[in-house]
Amino acid sequence: MSLPKFILGDNTEFPNAIYVVHTEFPRFIINLENDEVEWFEDFDAEDQKELEAETENAIAEATAFYDSEVDKYDE
């Protein structure tokens, strides 16, 4: 199965939360309400440097994806 890089999600138990799931390495879900990130990867010391370099970019991409999706609903 081919997945998109980002998936938008919500949950009625958390009505203010908006989630973006990043499906590529490093896989994570971010709650845009509070910028909390949950990782789906286990990282070792070697991964830490790559993670630090990629995290900021991936979170910025996730936020841009959300903004783009919301703009499409507003049209």
Protein backbone atom coordinates (compact mmCIF):
# COMPACT_ATOMS: atom_id res chain seq x y z
CA MET A 1 0.00 0.00 0.00
CA SER A 2 1.26 3.44 -0.84
CA LEU A 3 0.68 6.09 1.82
CA PRO A 4 0.85 9.85 1.53
CA LYS A 5 3.69 11.52 3.41
CA PHE A 6 1.19 13.29 5.72
CA ILE A 7 -2.23 12.29 7.00
CA LEU A 8 -4.57 14.69 8.79
CA GLY A 9 -6.52 13.36 11.78
CA ASP A 10 -8.83 14.32 14.61
CA ASN A 11 -10.64 12.60 17.46
CA THR A 12 -13.87 13.54 19.23
CA GLU A 13 -12.32 12.69 22.61
CA PHE A 14 -9.87 15.55 22.02
CA PRO A 15 -12.03 18.16 20.28
CA ASN A 16 -9.38 20.90 20.17
CA ALA A 17 -6.57 18.67 18.93
CA ILE A 18 -5.60 18.45 15.30
CA TYR A 19 -3.13 15.73 14.38
CA VAL A 20 -0.77 15.36 11.46
CA VAL A 21 0.77 11.92 10.97
CA HIS A 22 4.16 11.81 9.21
CA THR A 23 4.43 8.38 7.56
CA GLU A 24 8.07 8.49 6.44
CA PHE A 25 11.23 8.24 8.55
CA PRO A 26 11.26 9.58 11.15
CA ARG A 27 7.61 8.60 11.61
CA PHE A 28 5.68 10.68 14.14
CA ILE A 29 2.35 12.24 14.97
CA ILE A 30 2.16 15.88 16.00
CA ASN A 31 -0.69 17.50 17.87
CA LEU A 32 -0.88 20.99 16.37
CA GLU A 33 -2.85 22.25 19.36
CA ASN A 34 0.22 22.08 21.60
CA ASP A 35 3.04 20.92 19.24
CA GLU A 36 3.45 17.69 21.21
CA VAL A 37 5.20 15.01 19.14
CA GLU A 38 4.87 11.24 19.57
CA TRP A 39 7.52 9.20 17.77
CA PHE A 40 6.81 5.83 16.15
CA GLU A 41 10.53 5.07 15.95
CA ASP A 42 13.04 3.82 18.48
CA PHE A 43 16.20 5.89 18.22
CA ASP A 44 19.72 5.00 19.19
CA ALA A 45 22.67 7.36 19.68
CA GLU A 46 23.57 7.22 15.97
CA ASP A 47 20.04 8.21 14.96
CA GLN A 48 20.01 11.16 17.37
CA LYS A 49 22.02 13.46 15.09
CA GLU A 50 19.93 12.62 12.04
CA LEU A 51 16.76 13.03 14.08
CA GLU A 52 17.77 16.48 15.29
CA ALA A 53 18.57 17.57 11.75
CA GLU A 54 15.32 16.21 10.28
CA THR A 55 12.88 17.02 13.09
CA GLU A 56 12.64 20.76 12.63
CA ASN A 57 12.17 20.38 8.87
CA ALA A 58 9.60 17.57 9.20
CA ILE A 59 7.52 19.51 11.74
CA ALA A 60 7.60 22.61 9.54
CA GLU A 61 6.44 20.46 6.60
CA ALA A 62 3.64 18.97 8.73
CA THR A 63 2.44 22.44 9.70
CA ALA A 64 2.60 23.64 6.09
CA PHE A 65 0.63 20.55 5.01
CA TYR A 66 -2.08 21.37 7.56
CA ASP A 67 -2.23 25.02 6.46
CA SER A 68 -2.54 23.92 2.83
CA GLU A 69 -5.35 21.48 3.63
CA VAL A 70 -7.28 24.09 5.62
CA ASP A 71 -6.90 26.61 2.80
CA LYS A 72 -8.52 24.09 0.44
CA TYR A 73 -11.59 23.85 2.72
CA ASP A 74 -11.88 27.64 2.83
CA GLU A 75 -12.06 27.98 -0.97
